[in-house]
Structures are given as structure tokens and as C-alpha cells.
Amino acid sequence: MNPDWKEDQPIYRQLRDKVASAILEGSLKEGEALPSVRNVAMEMQINPLTASKAYQELVSQELVEKRRGLGMFVIEGARAKLLQGERKRFLEEEWPEIVARIQALEMDIDDLVKGTGGSKNRKKS
């Protein structure tokens, strides 16, 4: 994980998103331990309280669990839960914009599948 923080949202949320992405991508697997708060804070050059807050958000989202004396672990089913949420967000937020753009460009499904520039730009044979 890179400590490339953006100014538009709190660091703890960005860290939470980085961990969630690692779960989605499979670099953090279900049942696997997360790096300790102390290690993450040192590696990311952030306050340990910030790292702890990010981890607590993941606990409240039921993606990780705290095991007393052992640390934080990715919960079974966390990846599926994240995928479901990402698919829902895509369909509700991103897809309508994509559909509008496709319609504005007067493209159809064949254009998209073939990767052509649209029906008006097709050469006639």
C-alpha cells in the first residue's frame, strides 16, 4: 500500500479504502491477518490513532474482525460483500453516465462489442 494521500477526504477513510481494495484484489485473503496498527502507521507515516480508526471502520462494516491478543483478520465472505457493494455502486452511479455517453455518441451494442467507432462511421461493403 502506498502512502499517497489525497486532500479531498480524511486519511483514515483512504486507508480503509486501500485495505478494502486489497481484499477485493485478493492480496489480503479471507482469514488472513491485517498488518498491525503500529506497522501500518509507521509504513504509511500516519498517526496510529488514524490507522486504528480505519481498522475500526472495517470492523463496523463487518469486513474484518478483532481477535483479542492476535490482531485484525479478514472475515470469511468479506470479498463477496465488497464485490456486491461495488457492483451496486457501479450500476447506480457509473453505469447511467456510461449509458448516457453511449447514447450521445449514437453507438449500439454491436459497436461496443466490436470496438468500432459507431454506426455512422462504418464503411459500407
Protein backbone atom coordinates (compact mmCIF):
# COMPACT_ATOMS: atom_id res chain seq x y z
CA MET A 1 0.00 0.00 0.00
CA ASN A 2 1.28 3.43 -0.94
CA PRO A 3 1.00 6.46 1.35
CA ASP A 4 -0.16 8.71 -1.49
CA TRP A 5 -2.81 10.65 0.40
CA LYS A 6 -5.30 12.96 -1.28
CA GLU A 7 -6.54 16.19 0.23
CA ASP A 8 -10.24 15.62 -0.55
CA GLN A 9 -11.01 13.07 2.20
CA PRO A 10 -9.70 12.02 5.62
CA ILE A 11 -6.66 9.73 5.69
CA TYR A 12 -8.45 7.08 7.76
CA ARG A 13 -11.06 6.71 5.00
CA GLN A 14 -8.37 6.47 2.36
CA LEU A 15 -6.60 3.78 4.40
CA ARG A 16 -9.89 1.94 4.86
CA ASP A 17 -10.39 2.07 1.08
CA LYS A 18 -6.84 0.79 0.46
CA VAL A 19 -7.45 -2.21 2.74
CA ALA A 20 -10.83 -2.87 1.09
CA SER A 21 -9.15 -2.75 -2.34
CA ALA A 22 -6.51 -5.21 -1.14
CA ILE A 23 -9.31 -7.57 -0.08
CA LEU A 24 -11.09 -7.16 -3.42
CA GLU A 25 -7.88 -7.73 -5.41
CA GLY A 26 -7.01 -10.77 -3.32
CA SER A 27 -3.74 -9.50 -1.87
CA LEU A 28 -5.47 -9.72 1.53
CA LYS A 29 -7.30 -13.03 1.70
CA GLU A 30 -10.17 -14.11 3.91
CA GLY A 31 -8.87 -15.39 7.23
CA GLU A 32 -5.58 -13.52 6.79
CA ALA A 33 -4.27 -11.11 9.41
CA LEU A 34 -4.04 -7.41 8.62
CA PRO A 35 -0.74 -5.68 9.36
CA SER A 36 -0.70 -4.32 12.92
CA VAL A 37 -1.87 -0.76 13.54
CA ARG A 38 1.64 0.12 14.66
CA ASN A 39 3.24 -1.28 11.48
CA VAL A 40 0.71 0.41 9.21
CA ALA A 41 1.21 3.72 11.00
CA MET A 42 4.98 3.51 10.58
CA GLU A 43 4.83 2.32 6.97
CA MET A 44 2.24 4.89 5.93
CA GLN A 45 3.73 7.67 8.06
CA ILE A 46 0.45 8.34 9.86
CA ASN A 47 -0.70 8.57 13.46
CA PRO A 48 -1.53 5.16 14.98
CA LEU A 49 -4.94 6.56 16.01
CA THR A 50 -5.67 7.24 12.33
CA ALA A 51 -4.78 3.67 11.40
CA SER A 52 -6.86 2.37 14.30
CA LYS A 53 -9.86 4.43 13.16
CA ALA A 54 -9.56 2.98 9.63
CA TYR A 55 -9.46 -0.55 11.03
CA GLN A 56 -12.45 0.19 13.27
CA GLU A 57 -14.44 1.28 10.20
CA LEU A 58 -13.61 -2.06 8.58
CA VAL A 59 -14.85 -3.83 11.72
CA SER A 60 -18.09 -1.84 11.69
CA GLN A 61 -18.57 -2.73 8.01
CA GLU A 62 -18.13 -6.39 9.03
CA LEU A 63 -15.15 -6.90 6.72
CA VAL A 64 -12.58 -7.60 9.43
CA GLU A 65 -12.75 -8.82 12.99
CA LYS A 66 -10.58 -8.21 16.01
CA ARG A 67 -9.26 -11.30 17.73
CA ARG A 68 -8.15 -10.45 21.22
CA GLY A 69 -4.39 -10.73 21.56
CA LEU A 70 -3.98 -11.77 17.91
CA GLY A 71 -4.92 -8.73 15.83
CA MET A 72 -7.33 -7.99 13.00
CA PHE A 73 -8.37 -10.63 10.47
CA VAL A 74 -10.31 -10.52 7.20
CA ILE A 75 -13.74 -12.10 7.75
CA GLU A 76 -14.96 -15.01 5.64
CA GLY A 77 -17.21 -13.56 2.92
CA ALA A 78 -15.62 -10.10 3.05
CA ARG A 79 -14.60 -10.15 -0.62
CA ALA A 80 -18.10 -11.20 -1.75
CA LYS A 81 -19.60 -8.44 0.37
CA LEU A 82 -17.25 -5.86 -1.15
CA LEU A 83 -17.96 -7.12 -4.68
CA GLN A 84 -21.69 -6.84 -4.10
CA GLY A 85 -21.30 -3.26 -2.85
CA GLU A 86 -19.01 -2.27 -5.72
CA ARG A 87 -21.38 -3.78 -8.30
CA LYS A 88 -24.31 -1.92 -6.78
CA ARG A 89 -22.37 1.37 -6.72
CA PHE A 90 -21.29 0.84 -10.35
CA LEU A 91 -24.84 0.19 -11.53
CA GLU A 92 -26.30 3.13 -9.60
CA GLU A 93 -23.58 5.73 -10.09
CA GLU A 94 -21.29 4.92 -13.02
CA TRP A 95 -23.44 2.92 -15.43
CA PRO A 96 -26.09 5.62 -16.00
CA GLU A 97 -23.33 8.03 -17.07
CA ILE A 98 -21.84 5.42 -19.40
CA VAL A 99 -25.24 4.69 -20.96
CA ALA A 100 -25.87 8.41 -21.48
CA ARG A 101 -22.46 8.76 -23.17
CA ILE A 102 -23.12 5.75 -25.42
CA GLN A 103 -26.46 7.23 -26.44
CA ALA A 104 -24.92 10.66 -27.04
CA LEU A 105 -22.36 9.04 -29.35
CA GLU A 106 -25.15 7.18 -31.17
CA MET A 107 -23.49 3.84 -30.59
CA ASP A 108 -25.19 0.46 -30.32
CA ILE A 109 -24.27 -2.89 -28.78
CA ASP A 110 -22.53 -4.07 -31.96
CA ASP A 111 -20.28 -1.01 -31.90
CA LEU A 112 -19.35 -1.71 -28.31
CA VAL A 113 -18.69 -5.41 -28.83
CA LYS A 114 -16.64 -4.87 -31.98
CA GLY A 115 -14.91 -1.76 -30.66
CA THR A 116 -15.87 0.25 -33.74
CA GLY A 117 -16.49 3.96 -33.82
CA GLY A 118 -20.22 3.86 -34.31
CA SER A 119 -22.76 3.08 -36.98
CA LYS A 120 -22.29 6.38 -38.81
CA ASN A 121 -18.55 5.74 -39.21
CA ARG A 122 -18.88 2.21 -40.62
CA LYS A 123 -17.68 1.57 -44.12
CA LYS A 124 -20.27 0.03 -46.39
CA SER A 125 -19.18 -3.11 -48.22
